[in-house]
Protein backbone atom coordinates (compact mmCIF):
# COMPACT_ATOMS: atom_id res chain seq x y z
CA UNK A 1 -30.17 -32.47 -41.35
CA UNK A 2 -31.22 -28.79 -41.23
CA UNK A 3 -32.84 -29.44 -37.78
CA UNK A 4 -29.58 -30.97 -36.38
CA UNK A 5 -27.58 -28.05 -37.71
CA UNK A 6 -29.88 -25.38 -36.21
CA UNK A 7 -29.83 -27.15 -32.82
CA UNK A 8 -25.88 -27.44 -33.05
CA UNK A 9 -25.57 -23.61 -33.78
CA UNK A 10 -27.94 -22.74 -30.83
CA UNK A 11 -26.01 -24.82 -28.43
CA UNK A 12 -22.63 -23.07 -29.59
CA UNK A 13 -24.21 -19.79 -29.35
CA UNK A 14 -25.47 -20.55 -25.86
CA UNK A 15 -22.26 -21.89 -24.48
CA UNK A 16 -20.36 -18.91 -26.00
CA UNK A 17 -22.74 -16.28 -24.41
CA UNK A 18 -22.30 -18.14 -21.11
CA UNK A 19 -18.63 -18.09 -21.14
CA UNK A 20 -18.58 -14.58 -22.04
CA UNK A 21 -20.77 -13.66 -18.96
CA UNK A 22 -18.32 -15.25 -16.49
CA UNK A 23 -17.05 -12.86 -13.84
CA UNK A 24 -13.33 -11.89 -14.39
CA UNK A 25 -11.35 -11.11 -11.41
CA UNK A 26 -10.67 -7.41 -11.02
CA UNK A 27 -7.73 -5.93 -12.89
CA UNK A 28 -6.01 -4.75 -9.77
CA UNK A 29 -5.83 -8.17 -8.47
CA UNK A 30 -3.81 -9.23 -11.51
CA UNK A 31 -1.38 -6.48 -11.38
CA UNK A 32 2.32 -7.37 -10.45
CA UNK A 33 4.44 -4.84 -8.30
CA UNK A 34 5.54 -2.80 -11.74
CA UNK A 35 1.95 -2.37 -12.65
CA UNK A 36 0.99 -1.03 -9.24
CA UNK A 37 3.95 1.29 -9.08
CA UNK A 38 2.99 2.34 -12.84
CA UNK A 39 -0.43 3.78 -11.23
CA UNK A 40 1.44 5.93 -8.73
CA UNK A 41 2.68 9.10 -10.33
CA UNK A 42 6.17 10.58 -9.81
CA UNK A 43 8.25 13.28 -11.66
CA UNK A 44 11.02 13.30 -14.02
CA UNK A 45 13.92 15.40 -15.03
CA UNK A 46 15.93 15.03 -18.22
CA UNK A 47 19.58 15.95 -18.11
CA UNK A 48 19.36 16.54 -21.82
CA UNK A 49 16.35 16.70 -24.15
CA UNK A 50 18.09 17.19 -27.58
CA UNK A 51 21.37 15.86 -29.08
CA UNK A 52 23.06 16.71 -32.26
CA UNK A 53 25.40 14.10 -33.91
CA UNK A 54 26.85 16.72 -36.09
CA UNK A 55 27.99 15.40 -39.61
CA UNK A 56 27.97 11.72 -40.11
CA UNK A 57 28.54 9.59 -43.20
CA UNK A 58 25.61 7.75 -44.88
CA UNK A 59 25.32 4.20 -43.71
CA UNK A 60 26.82 5.00 -40.22
CA UNK A 61 25.04 3.92 -37.12
CA UNK A 62 25.19 6.53 -34.19
CA UNK A 63 23.82 6.05 -30.68
CA UNK A 64 23.27 8.64 -27.78
CA UNK A 65 22.06 7.84 -24.21
CA UNK A 66 19.57 10.21 -22.92
CA UNK A 67 19.65 10.36 -19.12
CA UNK A 68 16.84 11.28 -16.59
CA UNK A 69 16.39 11.38 -12.91
CA UNK A 70 13.51 10.43 -10.69
CA UNK A 71 12.74 13.53 -8.93
CA UNK A 72 9.55 12.27 -7.26
CA UNK A 73 8.57 10.26 -4.41
CA UNK A 74 7.48 6.88 -6.15
CA UNK A 75 9.11 4.52 -8.41
CA UNK A 76 9.50 5.71 -12.07
CA UNK A 77 8.43 3.29 -14.75
CA UNK A 78 9.11 3.81 -18.30
CA UNK A 79 6.21 2.15 -20.07
CA UNK A 80 7.54 2.33 -23.66
CA UNK A 81 9.52 4.42 -26.17
CA UNK A 82 7.88 5.31 -29.48
CA UNK A 83 10.04 6.08 -32.51
CA UNK A 84 8.43 7.15 -35.54
CA UNK A 85 10.93 6.04 -38.11
CA UNK A 86 12.24 2.74 -38.82
CA UNK A 87 15.75 4.09 -38.66
CA UNK A 88 15.51 4.65 -35.08
CA UNK A 89 15.70 1.99 -32.43
CA UNK A 90 15.64 2.24 -28.66
CA UNK A 91 16.83 0.55 -25.43
CA UNK A 92 15.80 1.96 -22.01
CA UNK A 93 15.87 1.33 -18.27
CA UNK A 94 13.24 -1.77 -17.84
CA UNK A 95 13.48 -1.79 -14.11
CA UNK A 96 11.71 0.62 -11.94
CA UNK A 97 13.98 3.70 -11.28
CA UNK A 98 13.79 4.44 -7.46
CA UNK A 99 13.32 8.01 -6.38
CA UNK A 100 16.56 10.00 -6.68
CA UNK A 101 18.17 7.46 -8.91
CA UNK A 102 19.11 7.88 -12.55
CA UNK A 103 17.57 5.93 -15.77
CA UNK A 104 18.23 6.17 -19.50
CA UNK A 105 16.89 5.86 -23.05
CA UNK A 106 19.40 4.99 -25.68
CA UNK A 107 18.60 5.78 -29.16
CA UNK A 108 20.26 4.36 -32.20
CA UNK A 109 20.13 6.03 -35.70
CA UNK A 110 21.02 4.17 -38.91
CA UNK A 111 21.68 6.83 -41.53
CA UNK A 112 21.76 4.22 -44.44
CA UNK A 113 19.80 5.75 -47.29
CA UNK A 114 19.07 9.01 -45.27
CA UNK A 115 21.26 11.60 -46.75
CA UNK A 116 20.71 15.30 -45.68
CA UNK A 117 19.62 17.23 -42.65
CA UNK A 118 17.85 14.65 -40.17
CA UNK A 119 15.73 15.68 -37.01
CA UNK A 120 13.95 12.96 -35.41
CA UNK A 121 11.69 12.93 -32.45
CA UNK A 122 10.65 10.09 -30.21
CA UNK A 123 8.26 9.83 -27.26
CA UNK A 124 8.82 8.40 -23.94
CA UNK A 125 5.75 7.04 -21.70
CA UNK A 126 6.30 7.16 -17.89
CA UNK A 127 4.08 7.20 -14.89
CA UNK A 128 4.39 11.03 -14.40
CA UNK A 129 1.74 13.63 -14.66
CA UNK A 130 2.64 14.38 -18.38
CA UNK A 131 2.77 10.87 -19.49
CA UNK A 132 4.51 11.50 -22.76
CA UNK A 133 7.96 13.50 -23.04
CA UNK A 134 9.23 14.20 -26.55
CA UNK A 135 12.95 14.21 -27.10
CA UNK A 136 14.97 15.02 -30.27
CA UNK A 137 18.21 14.18 -32.11
CA UNK A 138 19.63 15.70 -35.26
CA UNK A 139 22.40 15.26 -37.70
CA UNK A 140 23.71 16.04 -41.11
CA UNK A 141 24.10 12.73 -43.24
CA UNK A 142 26.91 13.22 -45.82
CA UNK A 143 25.98 11.30 -48.95
CA UNK A 144 28.18 8.40 -50.09
């Protein structure tokens, strides 16, 4: 019984090591057009980098659309938007932004259970020389 189990374990180990050593196609061969674009750097110009919502009531949801322009020669790709608080959600341009065109990142802030002065930062990853840009919004949340 032990000998059969030992042979079984050796056989499985051999099969797994063989599977791990198979040649994988190069990453570039798998890339689609958007991935290829993201490897080409471009430049970005934000119309506004900070926004103040002013005074809002606790529980209110407010949104602001930050716009940017592709000022480079290649398509601009927004790879991700990182918000650092569960109270903040984002939407952004999913398709490549062609040179000279505008795109956006829209932020929605939920002020529920967040009274007082609020200042939130979020990062946008793009295919630019400085991969991450940090934008900010603020507000004063009046308690219920």
